[in-house]
Amino acid sequence: MKDVPAEVSERTGTRIEQAYLTSQRDGPEVRIRRRDGHCTLTIKSVGNLERTEVELAISGADFNALWPLTDGRRLVKTRVDYPLSRGLLAEVDTFDDRALILVEVEFASGEQAREFVPPGWFGRDVTDDPAYKNRNLAR
């Protein structure tokens, strides 16, 4: 990733604790997340550009009960949301345990994703590189 613009790096981010209940690298993804006191359970289908995603709110007690089941499959990051043109949002993640910054943009359709021209500061596109999937970064 190239130099992050000051208007991104100067924003206050939010801490995200994220962990995976499944360890299968090529199957559906089941994760828990805590951000700003809100906890969720998310199930994602396999895929890169287009995936089914279902997110369910869970209580903090449920999150805490599930957390021990995720040992070895956790990550902590700070996310800054940065608005882009056309109503899109860049989610800029800085990881606590490594020198890595990833930018993710979610689209309404595969067509919209394919038409997107990222700003130069995004750097190399790693969408199809499994090494940069959050579940593979979790440890």
C-alpha atoms as a PDB file:
ATOM      1  CA  MET A   1       0.000   0.000   0.000  1.00  0.00           C
ATOM      2  CA  LYS A   2       1.296   3.424  -0.889  1.00  0.00           C
ATOM      3  CA  ASP A   3       1.197   6.429   1.404  1.00  0.00           C
ATOM      4  CA  VAL A   4      -2.179   6.653   3.083  1.00  0.00           C
ATOM      5  CA  PRO A   5      -3.608  10.170   2.668  1.00  0.00           C
ATOM      6  CA  ALA A   6      -3.504  12.316   5.807  1.00  0.00           C
ATOM      7  CA  GLU A   7      -7.301  12.547   5.843  1.00  0.00           C
ATOM      8  CA  VAL A   8      -7.345   8.771   6.363  1.00  0.00           C
ATOM      9  CA  SER A   9      -4.401   8.385   8.745  1.00  0.00           C
ATOM     10  CA  GLU A  10      -5.568  11.266  10.942  1.00  0.00           C
ATOM     11  CA  ARG A  11      -9.024   9.783  11.514  1.00  0.00           C
ATOM     12  CA  THR A  12      -9.764   7.965  14.732  1.00  0.00           C
ATOM     13  CA  GLY A  13     -10.363   4.303  14.141  1.00  0.00           C
ATOM     14  CA  THR A  14     -12.219   1.669  16.086  1.00  0.00           C
ATOM     15  CA  ARG A  15     -10.732  -1.495  17.559  1.00  0.00           C
ATOM     16  CA  ILE A  16     -12.030  -4.787  16.187  1.00  0.00           C
ATOM     17  CA  GLU A  17     -11.524  -8.136  17.893  1.00  0.00           C
ATOM     18  CA  GLN A  18     -12.272 -10.881  15.407  1.00  0.00           C
ATOM     19  CA  ALA A  19     -11.970 -14.650  15.655  1.00  0.00           C
ATOM     20  CA  TYR A  20     -12.889 -17.685  13.621  1.00  0.00           C
ATOM     21  CA  LEU A  21     -14.927 -20.629  14.851  1.00  0.00           C
ATOM     22  CA  THR A  22     -14.048 -22.673  11.763  1.00  0.00           C
ATOM     23  CA  SER A  23     -10.513 -23.559  10.777  1.00  0.00           C
ATOM     24  CA  GLN A  24     -11.258 -25.052   7.368  1.00  0.00           C
ATOM     25  CA  ARG A  25      -9.408 -22.867   4.831  1.00  0.00           C
ATOM     26  CA  ASP A  26     -11.640 -23.665   1.840  1.00  0.00           C
ATOM     27  CA  GLY A  27     -15.104 -23.892   3.404  1.00  0.00           C
ATOM     28  CA  PRO A  28     -17.635 -21.390   4.698  1.00  0.00           C
ATOM     29  CA  GLU A  29     -16.297 -18.863   7.178  1.00  0.00           C
ATOM     30  CA  VAL A  30     -17.877 -18.518  10.630  1.00  0.00           C
ATOM     31  CA  ARG A  31     -16.532 -15.684  12.742  1.00  0.00           C
ATOM     32  CA  ILE A  32     -17.318 -13.604  15.790  1.00  0.00           C
ATOM     33  CA  ARG A  33     -16.497  -9.928  16.066  1.00  0.00           C
ATOM     34  CA  ARG A  34     -16.611  -7.229  18.704  1.00  0.00           C
ATOM     35  CA  ARG A  35     -16.492  -3.585  17.577  1.00  0.00           C
ATOM     36  CA  ASP A  36     -17.544  -0.591  19.644  1.00  0.00           C
ATOM     37  CA  GLY A  37     -19.255  -2.885  22.152  1.00  0.00           C
ATOM     38  CA  HIS A  38     -21.384  -4.518  19.449  1.00  0.00           C
ATOM     39  CA  CYS A  39     -20.911  -8.240  18.935  1.00  0.00           C
ATOM     40  CA  THR A  40     -21.799 -10.254  15.853  1.00  0.00           C
ATOM     41  CA  LEU A  41     -21.667 -13.772  14.499  1.00  0.00           C
ATOM     42  CA  THR A  42     -21.055 -13.806  10.742  1.00  0.00           C
ATOM     43  CA  ILE A  43     -21.285 -16.634   8.237  1.00  0.00           C
ATOM     44  CA  LYS A  44     -19.728 -16.111   4.791  1.00  0.00           C
ATOM     45  CA  SER A  45     -19.795 -18.402   1.798  1.00  0.00           C
ATOM     46  CA  VAL A  46     -16.698 -19.385  -0.152  1.00  0.00           C
ATOM     47  CA  GLY A  47     -15.593 -16.989  -2.889  1.00  0.00           C
ATOM     48  CA  ASN A  48     -13.602 -13.867  -3.618  1.00  0.00           C
ATOM     49  CA  LEU A  49     -15.506 -11.161  -5.438  1.00  0.00           C
ATOM     50  CA  GLU A  50     -19.082 -12.221  -4.668  1.00  0.00           C
ATOM     51  CA  ARG A  51     -20.097 -14.037  -1.481  1.00  0.00           C
ATOM     52  CA  THR A  52     -23.186 -14.575   0.598  1.00  0.00           C
ATOM     53  CA  GLU A  53     -22.829 -13.010   4.033  1.00  0.00           C
ATOM     54  CA  VAL A  54     -25.216 -13.290   6.980  1.00  0.00           C
ATOM     55  CA  GLU A  55     -24.466 -11.247  10.081  1.00  0.00           C
ATOM     56  CA  LEU A  56     -26.326 -11.815  13.345  1.00  0.00           C
ATOM     57  CA  ALA A  57     -26.144  -9.705  16.502  1.00  0.00           C
ATOM     58  CA  ILE A  58     -25.070 -11.653  19.584  1.00  0.00           C
ATOM     59  CA  SER A  59     -24.738 -10.588  23.197  1.00  0.00           C
ATOM     60  CA  GLY A  60     -21.440  -9.776  24.853  1.00  0.00           C
ATOM     61  CA  ALA A  61     -21.967 -12.857  27.039  1.00  0.00           C
ATOM     62  CA  ASP A  62     -22.310 -15.049  23.931  1.00  0.00           C
ATOM     63  CA  PHE A  63     -19.197 -13.456  22.409  1.00  0.00           C
ATOM     64  CA  ASN A  64     -17.248 -14.153  25.615  1.00  0.00           C
ATOM     65  CA  ALA A  65     -18.502 -17.759  25.707  1.00  0.00           C
ATOM     66  CA  LEU A  66     -17.401 -18.359  22.096  1.00  0.00           C
ATOM     67  CA  TRP A  67     -14.049 -16.545  22.313  1.00  0.00           C
ATOM     68  CA  PRO A  68     -12.173 -19.439  24.021  1.00  0.00           C
ATOM     69  CA  LEU A  69     -13.211 -21.723  21.137  1.00  0.00           C
ATOM     70  CA  THR A  70     -11.185 -19.594  18.717  1.00  0.00           C
ATOM     71  CA  ASP A  71      -7.700 -20.010  20.178  1.00  0.00           C
ATOM     72  CA  GLY A  72      -5.142 -19.724  17.381  1.00  0.00           C
ATOM     73  CA  ARG A  73      -7.655 -18.133  14.976  1.00  0.00           C
ATOM     74  CA  ARG A  74      -7.836 -14.522  16.209  1.00  0.00           C
ATOM     75  CA  LEU A  75      -6.840 -11.072  15.055  1.00  0.00           C
ATOM     76  CA  VAL A  76      -7.109  -7.550  16.372  1.00  0.00           C
ATOM     77  CA  LYS A  77      -7.137  -4.557  14.081  1.00  0.00           C
ATOM     78  CA  THR A  78      -8.067  -0.903  14.005  1.00  0.00           C
ATOM     79  CA  ARG A  79     -10.493   0.158  11.302  1.00  0.00           C
ATOM     80  CA  VAL A  80     -10.893   3.603   9.818  1.00  0.00           C
ATOM     81  CA  ASP A  81     -13.911   4.109   7.566  1.00  0.00           C
ATOM     82  CA  TYR A  82     -13.192   6.537   4.751  1.00  0.00           C
ATOM     83  CA  PRO A  83     -15.855   7.677   2.278  1.00  0.00           C
ATOM     84  CA  LEU A  84     -15.064   7.376  -1.422  1.00  0.00           C
ATOM     85  CA  SER A  85     -16.932   8.694  -4.436  1.00  0.00           C
ATOM     86  CA  ARG A  86     -20.228   7.182  -5.623  1.00  0.00           C
ATOM     87  CA  GLY A  87     -21.336   6.380  -2.067  1.00  0.00           C
ATOM     88  CA  LEU A  88     -18.627   3.757  -1.551  1.00  0.00           C
ATOM     89  CA  LEU A  89     -16.722   3.305   1.686  1.00  0.00           C
ATOM     90  CA  ALA A  90     -13.090   2.254   2.121  1.00  0.00           C
ATOM     91  CA  GLU A  91     -12.480   0.236   5.287  1.00  0.00           C
ATOM     92  CA  VAL A  92      -8.810   0.750   6.150  1.00  0.00           C
ATOM     93  CA  ASP A  93      -7.547  -1.910   8.575  1.00  0.00           C
ATOM     94  CA  THR A  94      -4.261  -1.694  10.485  1.00  0.00           C
ATOM     95  CA  PHE A  95      -3.332  -4.923  12.256  1.00  0.00           C
ATOM     96  CA  ASP A  96      -2.001  -4.894  15.823  1.00  0.00           C
ATOM     97  CA  ASP A  97       0.485  -7.742  15.439  1.00  0.00           C
ATOM     98  CA  ARG A  98       2.110  -6.986  12.076  1.00  0.00           C
ATOM     99  CA  ALA A  99       3.091  -4.175   9.745  1.00  0.00           C
ATOM    100  CA  LEU A 100       0.106  -4.571   7.443  1.00  0.00           C
ATOM    101  CA  ILE A 101      -2.597  -2.223   6.238  1.00  0.00           C
ATOM    102  CA  LEU A 102      -5.458  -3.574   4.116  1.00  0.00           C
ATOM    103  CA  VAL A 103      -8.215  -1.640   2.389  1.00  0.00           C
ATOM    104  CA  GLU A 104     -11.569  -3.244   1.647  1.00  0.00           C
ATOM    105  CA  VAL A 105     -14.477  -1.835  -0.324  1.00  0.00           C
ATOM    106  CA  GLU A 106     -17.826  -3.637  -0.450  1.00  0.00           C
ATOM    107  CA  PHE A 107     -19.926  -3.344  -3.573  1.00  0.00           C
ATOM    108  CA  ALA A 108     -23.588  -3.864  -4.394  1.00  0.00           C
ATOM    109  CA  SER A 109     -22.717  -6.179  -7.291  1.00  0.00           C
ATOM    110  CA  GLY A 110     -19.861  -7.951  -9.015  1.00  0.00           C
ATOM    111  CA  GLU A 111     -20.295  -5.583 -11.942  1.00  0.00           C
ATOM    112  CA  GLN A 112     -19.811  -2.555  -9.680  1.00  0.00           C
ATOM    113  CA  ALA A 113     -16.669  -4.169  -8.245  1.00  0.00           C
ATOM    114  CA  ARG A 114     -15.212  -4.871 -11.686  1.00  0.00           C
ATOM    115  CA  GLU A 115     -15.857  -1.268 -12.788  1.00  0.00           C
ATOM    116  CA  PHE A 116     -14.213   0.234  -9.687  1.00  0.00           C
ATOM    117  CA  VAL A 117     -10.957   2.092 -10.235  1.00  0.00           C
ATOM    118  CA  PRO A 118      -9.155   2.316  -6.878  1.00  0.00           C
ATOM    119  CA  PRO A 119      -7.226   5.393  -5.830  1.00  0.00           C
ATOM    120  CA  GLY A 120      -3.466   5.021  -6.223  1.00  0.00           C
ATOM    121  CA  TRP A 121      -2.910   4.900  -2.469  1.00  0.00           C
ATOM    122  CA  PHE A 122      -4.709   1.542  -2.291  1.00  0.00           C
ATOM    123  CA  GLY A 123      -1.602  -0.199  -3.610  1.00  0.00           C
ATOM    124  CA  ARG A 124      -1.616  -3.727  -5.028  1.00  0.00           C
ATOM    125  CA  ASP A 125      -4.964  -5.542  -5.345  1.00  0.00           C
ATOM    126  CA  VAL A 126      -4.886  -8.650  -3.120  1.00  0.00           C
ATOM    127  CA  THR A 127      -8.545  -9.658  -3.546  1.00  0.00           C
ATOM    128  CA  ASP A 128      -7.642 -13.043  -5.027  1.00  0.00           C
ATOM    129  CA  ASP A 129      -4.624 -13.731  -2.808  1.00  0.00           C
ATOM    130  CA  PRO A 130      -5.652 -16.121  -0.004  1.00  0.00           C
ATOM    131  CA  ALA A 131      -2.688 -14.996   2.128  1.00  0.00           C
ATOM    132  CA  TYR A 132      -4.525 -11.712   2.773  1.00  0.00           C
ATOM    133  CA  LYS A 133      -7.884 -13.173   3.777  1.00  0.00           C
ATOM    134  CA  ASN A 134      -8.599 -12.263   7.391  1.00  0.00           C
ATOM    135  CA  ARG A 135      -9.232 -15.869   8.335  1.00  0.00           C
ATOM    136  CA  ASN A 136      -5.770 -16.766   7.030  1.00  0.00           C
ATOM    137  CA  LEU A 137      -4.214 -13.820   8.874  1.00  0.00           C
ATOM    138  CA  ALA A 138      -5.826 -14.893  12.152  1.00  0.00           C
ATOM    139  CA  ARG A 139      -3.451 -16.688  14.491  1.00  0.00           C
END
